[in-house]
Structure formats: structure tokens, C-alpha cells
Amino acid sequence: MEENGQKAVPEQEADKAGGAEKKLSHAEKKALRKEKVRQKRAARNQHVRLIPANKKGYHINRFMNFLRFLLYPVHFIFYPYKLHGHTKVGKGACIYFGNHYCIYDIFYPARTTREGIHYLAKQSILEAPVLSYWGSRMGAIGAMRDGADVRTVMESIKVLKNGEKLSLFPEGTRNKTGGDDFLPFHGGAALLAIKTRSPIVPFVICNRPHLFHITHVVFGEPFELSEYYGRKLTPSDYEEADEKLRQKLYDMRAEFRASRGKRKKNKA
């Protein structure tokens, strides 16, 4: 009996160990399946989808137009806004460059043109279940958090050289600080503008969007960093150019607030 008892204990322990192995194996298989799906989504956005120009020279993205029709009214009802300044951007390549508060900020550049826009988005967003499909159809470009992704730069250059529009938020993420200062800017916009000789369309969201409160967004005139063309530039030159873009947004916001304050004072 004692012998049988002694034998039973190791056998039970072996069964338990085997069950744990089976559970672990199942978990590993599940993780592997999830990783394969994630890689498939990432591969979908590995290369940007370029939009050919139509007979009139416009790069029309039909899927984006569908989203415009579907989501513009919803956005305007819940987060009303008013656009100021240069609110009509012509056809051809340009880089939209602005600050970032919430996901709905992508609507502001889209309201200034009838063409498609390629947005720079965090790579993790383009690996999400639904957004990866939407991103692929819109021609979004995945960007790594450190901003040093060579593929991102090459795909962005490809878009601009094809005569299309690119939009990026140099803060890299939504500004949730509650303060008036922008988050530190990631470089790259100046490099793209100089390499492709594309105009920049600056825009600044002057107040944080709130439910049922009007948000004021100012668009500046398109301009080029032509003073850097045809030169052999150093990293410090690109930093200087990026700082000029950052200061441009601060200046635009300050001018708008001063002008609005003056109008209110005159009315009073």
C-alpha cells in the first residue's frame, strides 16, 4: 500500500505538470496568433498607397471623401469650430504643420482641400484592428516614436514628389498638459520640406477643443524654406529650420489672440 501511495504522488505531480505545459502551450499559441495578425496589419501599411492625379490634376481619395461626408457633421455638432486665415489650399504637394490636442484635429486640414491627405500617425495606431484598415485606405504613414524611422521619411518624400499632401503633428502625441505651451517638437518637417522643395501650410489650434465650445483654428499662407535650398545642410541647419516652424505657430496664435482681444474691446 505504501508503495502504491508513493507511486501515486509522483504520477499526480506529473499530471499537473503536463496540464501546466498544455496551458502554457495554449497561451503561447494565442500570443503567436495575435502577433501574426498584428504583423499582417503592419504589413498592410508598410508602403504608402499613392493616389494618381485625375485629368484636372487633383489627387482625390474617394474613401477620405466618404469619411468627410460621414463624420464632418458629427464632429461639428459636438466640437464646433471656426477656421480663420488661409482656409483654401490649392492642388499640389504641401505639408500641413500644426499643434495637436485630440484625434479630431485631423479634420481641420481636411476642410481646406478637396484632395486626399496622407497623415503621419504612430505605428501602433496603424496596427489597431479597425484603424489599420482606415489608415491603409487613407494612405496614412506609420511613424516610430523616436522620429528616426528612415522608412517614414522615404515614404513621406514619395508622397510629396507625387504631388500629394502630407499632414503631420510635430508634437508627436496629443497635448494633455493643460498649459499654453506646445510639447517638444520632433524634427523632420523642415527636412521633408527642403528635400522636396514643398510649401508648408502652418496651422495653429488656438484653444483646446471642448464639447459644445467653439475651437478657433488659424491657417497661415503657404510658404517655402527657400533660404535653405541648394545648400549643403548640417543637422544644426535643420534644427534651426524646425525652430522657425515652431516659432511660426506661436506667432500666429499670438497675432490671432491680440486681434480677437482688440475686436472684443472695440465692441465693448
Protein backbone atom coordinates (compact mmCIF):
# COMPACT_ATOMS: atom_id res chain seq x y z
CA MET A 1 0.00 0.00 0.00
CA GLU A 2 2.81 2.30 0.96
CA GLU A 3 4.49 1.60 -2.33
CA ASN A 4 1.31 2.31 -4.24
CA GLY A 5 0.85 5.52 -2.30
CA GLN A 6 4.38 6.61 -3.03
CA LYS A 7 3.88 5.91 -6.71
CA ALA A 8 0.59 7.79 -6.85
CA VAL A 9 2.12 11.04 -5.65
CA PRO A 10 4.69 11.41 -8.44
CA GLU A 11 2.08 10.38 -11.01
CA GLN A 12 -0.30 13.12 -9.79
CA GLU A 13 2.50 15.66 -9.88
CA ALA A 14 3.40 14.57 -13.42
CA ASP A 15 -0.23 15.02 -14.50
CA LYS A 16 -0.33 18.52 -13.00
CA ALA A 17 2.93 19.43 -14.73
CA GLY A 18 1.58 18.12 -18.02
CA GLY A 19 -1.57 20.20 -17.61
CA ALA A 20 0.50 23.33 -16.92
CA GLU A 21 2.53 22.63 -20.04
CA LYS A 22 -0.67 22.33 -22.07
CA LYS A 23 -1.98 25.64 -20.67
CA LEU A 24 1.32 27.38 -21.38
CA SER A 25 1.37 25.98 -24.87
CA HIS A 26 -2.16 27.25 -25.48
CA ALA A 27 -1.20 30.72 -24.22
CA GLU A 28 1.84 30.74 -26.45
CA LYS A 29 -0.25 29.75 -29.46
CA LYS A 30 -2.72 32.51 -28.70
CA ALA A 31 0.09 35.08 -28.39
CA LEU A 32 1.58 33.81 -31.65
CA ARG A 33 -1.73 34.21 -33.46
CA LYS A 34 -2.12 37.75 -32.14
CA GLU A 35 1.40 38.62 -33.25
CA LYS A 36 0.74 37.25 -36.75
CA VAL A 37 -2.42 39.36 -37.03
CA ARG A 38 -0.51 42.44 -35.81
CA GLN A 39 2.24 41.83 -38.37
CA LYS A 40 -0.37 41.44 -41.11
CA ARG A 41 -1.90 44.80 -40.18
CA ALA A 42 1.55 46.40 -40.06
CA ALA A 43 2.39 44.93 -43.49
CA ARG A 44 -0.80 46.48 -44.89
CA ASN A 45 0.66 49.90 -44.06
CA GLN A 46 4.27 49.05 -44.87
CA HIS A 47 4.16 51.03 -48.11
CA VAL A 48 2.09 54.14 -48.64
CA ARG A 49 -0.79 53.99 -51.09
CA LEU A 50 -0.21 56.78 -53.62
CA ILE A 51 -3.17 58.48 -55.28
CA PRO A 52 -2.88 59.17 -59.02
CA ALA A 53 -3.95 62.62 -60.24
CA ASN A 54 -7.17 62.90 -62.21
CA LYS A 55 -7.50 64.78 -65.51
CA LYS A 56 -7.69 68.10 -63.68
CA GLY A 57 -4.57 67.35 -61.64
CA TYR A 58 -6.34 66.66 -58.33
CA HIS A 59 -5.38 63.70 -56.15
CA ILE A 60 -8.82 62.58 -54.98
CA ASN A 61 -9.15 59.93 -52.27
CA ARG A 62 -12.70 58.57 -52.52
CA PHE A 63 -12.53 56.81 -49.17
CA MET A 64 -11.50 60.05 -47.46
CA ASN A 65 -14.36 61.87 -49.18
CA PHE A 66 -16.74 59.23 -47.82
CA LEU A 67 -15.39 59.84 -44.30
CA ARG A 68 -15.71 63.59 -44.83
CA PHE A 69 -19.39 63.16 -45.72
CA LEU A 70 -19.97 60.80 -42.80
CA LEU A 71 -18.01 62.46 -39.99
CA TYR A 72 -17.91 66.22 -40.68
CA PRO A 73 -21.45 66.86 -39.40
CA VAL A 74 -20.91 64.74 -36.28
CA HIS A 75 -17.66 66.50 -35.47
CA PHE A 76 -19.13 69.97 -35.99
CA ILE A 77 -22.16 69.28 -33.76
CA PHE A 78 -20.15 68.04 -30.79
CA TYR A 79 -16.93 70.04 -31.28
CA PRO A 80 -17.89 73.20 -33.24
CA TYR A 81 -15.02 75.18 -34.75
CA LYS A 82 -14.22 78.21 -36.84
CA LEU A 83 -11.39 78.35 -39.38
CA HIS A 84 -9.50 81.61 -39.92
CA GLY A 85 -6.88 82.82 -42.38
CA HIS A 86 -5.84 80.90 -45.47
CA THR A 87 -8.63 78.31 -45.44
CA LYS A 88 -8.48 77.24 -49.10
CA VAL A 89 -5.38 75.35 -50.18
CA GLY A 90 -4.88 74.70 -53.89
CA LYS A 91 -3.91 71.46 -55.57
CA GLY A 92 -0.42 70.05 -55.43
CA ALA A 93 2.11 68.98 -52.82
CA CYS A 94 2.31 70.69 -49.44
CA ILE A 95 3.00 69.87 -45.80
CA TYR A 96 0.39 70.74 -43.19
CA PHE A 97 2.16 71.52 -39.92
CA GLY A 98 0.26 72.18 -36.68
CA ASN A 99 -0.18 71.54 -32.99
CA HIS A 100 -2.20 68.64 -31.62
CA TYR A 101 -4.87 68.32 -28.92
CA CYS A 102 -7.16 65.45 -29.90
CA ILE A 103 -7.86 62.88 -32.60
CA TYR A 104 -10.39 65.23 -34.28
CA ASP A 105 -7.56 67.63 -35.18
CA ILE A 106 -7.14 65.72 -38.45
CA PHE A 107 -10.41 67.28 -39.69
CA TYR A 108 -9.03 70.83 -39.77
CA PRO A 109 -6.52 70.36 -42.63
CA ALA A 110 -9.08 68.19 -44.45
CA ARG A 111 -11.53 71.12 -44.51
CA THR A 112 -9.14 73.28 -46.54
CA THR A 113 -8.82 71.00 -49.57
CA ARG A 114 -10.81 68.64 -51.76
CA GLU A 115 -7.74 66.43 -52.24
CA GLY A 116 -6.62 63.46 -50.19
CA ILE A 117 -4.15 63.95 -47.34
CA HIS A 118 -1.58 61.47 -46.09
CA TYR A 119 -1.35 61.72 -42.30
CA LEU A 120 1.68 60.74 -40.27
CA ALA A 121 0.43 58.52 -37.43
CA LYS A 122 2.00 56.48 -34.66
CA GLN A 123 2.83 52.99 -35.93
CA SER A 124 0.86 51.45 -33.05
CA ILE A 125 -2.33 53.14 -34.32
CA LEU A 126 -1.86 51.57 -37.75
CA GLU A 127 -1.67 48.14 -36.12
CA ALA A 128 -5.02 48.50 -34.33
CA PRO A 129 -7.97 46.36 -35.56
CA VAL A 130 -10.12 48.99 -37.34
CA LEU A 131 -7.72 51.90 -37.67
CA SER A 132 -5.20 49.83 -39.63
CA TYR A 133 -7.78 49.36 -42.40
CA TRP A 134 -8.84 53.02 -42.34
CA GLY A 135 -5.20 54.11 -42.30
CA SER A 136 -4.39 51.94 -45.29
CA ARG A 137 -7.31 53.32 -47.33
CA MET A 138 -6.41 56.90 -46.43
CA GLY A 139 -2.73 56.39 -47.22
CA ALA A 140 -1.51 57.07 -43.68
CA ILE A 141 2.19 56.68 -42.94
CA GLY A 142 3.34 54.97 -39.75
CA ALA A 143 5.95 56.80 -37.70
CA MET A 144 8.09 55.45 -34.88
CA ARG A 145 8.02 57.29 -31.56
CA ASP A 146 11.66 58.37 -31.76
CA GLY A 147 11.08 60.05 -35.13
CA ALA A 148 14.18 58.38 -36.57
CA ASP A 149 12.41 55.89 -38.82
CA VAL A 150 14.08 56.03 -42.24
CA ARG A 151 11.11 54.28 -43.88
CA THR A 152 8.79 57.06 -42.64
CA VAL A 153 11.00 59.71 -44.25
CA MET A 154 11.28 57.82 -47.54
CA GLU A 155 7.52 57.17 -47.77
CA SER A 156 6.80 60.85 -46.96
CA ILE A 157 9.19 62.01 -49.67
CA LYS A 158 7.48 59.64 -52.11
CA VAL A 159 4.09 61.23 -51.32
CA LEU A 160 5.34 64.79 -51.79
CA LYS A 161 7.20 64.01 -55.01
CA ASN A 162 3.97 62.52 -56.35
CA GLY A 163 2.38 65.95 -55.90
CA GLU A 164 0.27 64.96 -52.88
CA LYS A 165 -0.41 66.47 -49.48
CA LEU A 166 1.10 65.38 -46.18
CA SER A 167 -0.06 66.35 -42.68
CA LEU A 168 1.95 65.95 -39.51
CA PHE A 169 1.78 66.97 -35.87
CA PRO A 170 5.35 67.69 -34.73
CA GLU A 171 4.46 67.23 -31.04
CA GLY A 172 4.16 63.53 -31.85
CA THR A 173 1.23 62.96 -29.50
CA ARG A 174 -1.79 64.77 -28.08
CA ASN A 175 -1.01 67.66 -25.75
CA LYS A 176 -2.77 66.83 -22.47
CA THR A 177 -0.77 69.15 -20.20
CA GLY A 178 -3.49 71.78 -19.95
CA GLY A 179 -0.89 74.53 -20.36
CA ASP A 180 -0.39 77.04 -23.15
CA ASP A 181 2.99 75.73 -24.29
CA PHE A 182 3.40 73.18 -27.06
CA LEU A 183 5.02 69.86 -26.30
CA PRO A 184 8.63 69.49 -27.50
CA PHE A 185 8.63 69.26 -31.29
CA HIS A 186 10.09 66.31 -33.16
CA GLY A 187 12.23 67.25 -36.13
CA GLY A 188 11.55 66.13 -39.68
CA ALA A 189 9.10 68.63 -41.18
CA ALA A 190 11.84 71.02 -42.28
CA LEU A 191 13.91 68.19 -43.74
CA LEU A 192 10.95 66.97 -45.83
CA ALA A 193 10.07 70.48 -46.99
CA ILE A 194 13.66 71.25 -48.02
CA LYS A 195 14.41 67.89 -49.66
CA THR A 196 11.26 68.01 -51.79
CA ARG A 197 11.02 71.83 -52.06
CA SER A 198 7.41 71.62 -50.90
CA PRO A 199 5.46 74.54 -49.41
CA ILE A 200 4.41 74.38 -45.76
CA VAL A 201 0.89 75.23 -44.63
CA PRO A 202 1.11 76.14 -40.92
CA PHE A 203 -2.00 75.92 -38.76
CA VAL A 204 -2.48 76.51 -35.07
CA ILE A 205 -5.35 75.39 -32.85
CA CYS A 206 -5.72 78.43 -30.63
CA ASN A 207 -7.76 76.90 -27.82
CA ARG A 208 -8.19 73.37 -26.52
CA PRO A 209 -11.30 71.69 -28.02
CA HIS A 210 -14.15 71.17 -25.54
CA LEU A 211 -17.58 69.62 -26.01
CA PHE A 212 -20.06 72.16 -27.48
CA HIS A 213 -17.49 75.00 -27.31
CA ILE A 214 -16.10 76.70 -30.43
CA THR A 215 -12.49 75.95 -31.28
CA HIS A 216 -10.60 78.59 -33.29
CA VAL A 217 -8.08 77.34 -35.83
CA VAL A 218 -5.84 79.69 -37.82
CA PHE A 219 -4.22 78.71 -41.13
CA GLY A 220 -1.25 80.65 -42.42
CA GLU A 221 -0.27 81.35 -46.03
CA PRO A 222 1.77 78.54 -47.62
CA PHE A 223 5.49 79.35 -47.61
CA GLU A 224 8.75 77.65 -48.51
CA LEU A 225 12.05 77.34 -46.68
CA SER A 226 13.76 78.54 -49.85
CA GLU A 227 16.67 80.09 -47.95
CA TYR A 228 17.90 76.53 -47.34
CA TYR A 229 17.63 75.32 -50.95
CA GLY A 230 20.78 74.42 -52.85
CA ARG A 231 22.97 74.32 -49.75
CA LYS A 232 24.82 71.53 -48.02
CA LEU A 233 23.00 71.49 -44.70
CA THR A 234 24.16 70.27 -41.32
CA PRO A 235 21.96 68.83 -38.54
CA SER A 236 22.07 72.23 -36.82
CA ASP A 237 20.67 73.86 -40.00
CA TYR A 238 17.69 71.51 -39.92
CA GLU A 239 17.22 72.20 -36.19
CA GLU A 240 17.24 75.93 -36.93
CA ALA A 241 14.62 75.46 -39.68
CA ASP A 242 12.42 73.33 -37.39
CA GLU A 243 12.65 76.01 -34.70
CA LYS A 244 11.48 78.62 -37.23
CA LEU A 245 8.40 76.48 -37.92
CA ARG A 246 7.71 76.12 -34.21
CA GLN A 247 8.01 79.87 -33.65
CA LYS A 248 5.71 80.47 -36.61
CA LEU A 249 2.89 78.67 -34.78
CA TYR A 250 3.46 80.70 -31.60
CA ASP A 251 3.44 83.95 -33.61
CA MET A 252 0.24 83.04 -35.46
CA ARG A 253 -1.55 82.22 -32.23
CA ALA A 254 -0.35 85.42 -30.53
CA GLU A 255 -1.48 87.54 -33.50
CA PHE A 256 -4.91 85.93 -33.55
CA ARG A 257 -5.44 86.38 -29.81
CA ALA A 258 -4.31 90.01 -29.95
CA SER A 259 -6.62 90.72 -32.90
CA ARG A 260 -9.56 88.99 -31.24
CA GLY A 261 -8.95 90.80 -27.97
CA LYS A 262 -8.86 94.10 -29.81
CA ARG A 263 -12.19 93.39 -31.54
CA LYS A 264 -13.83 92.49 -28.24
CA LYS A 265 -12.50 95.70 -26.67
CA ASN A 266 -13.88 97.81 -29.53
CA LYS A 267 -17.29 96.16 -29.22
CA ALA A 268 -17.35 96.85 -25.50
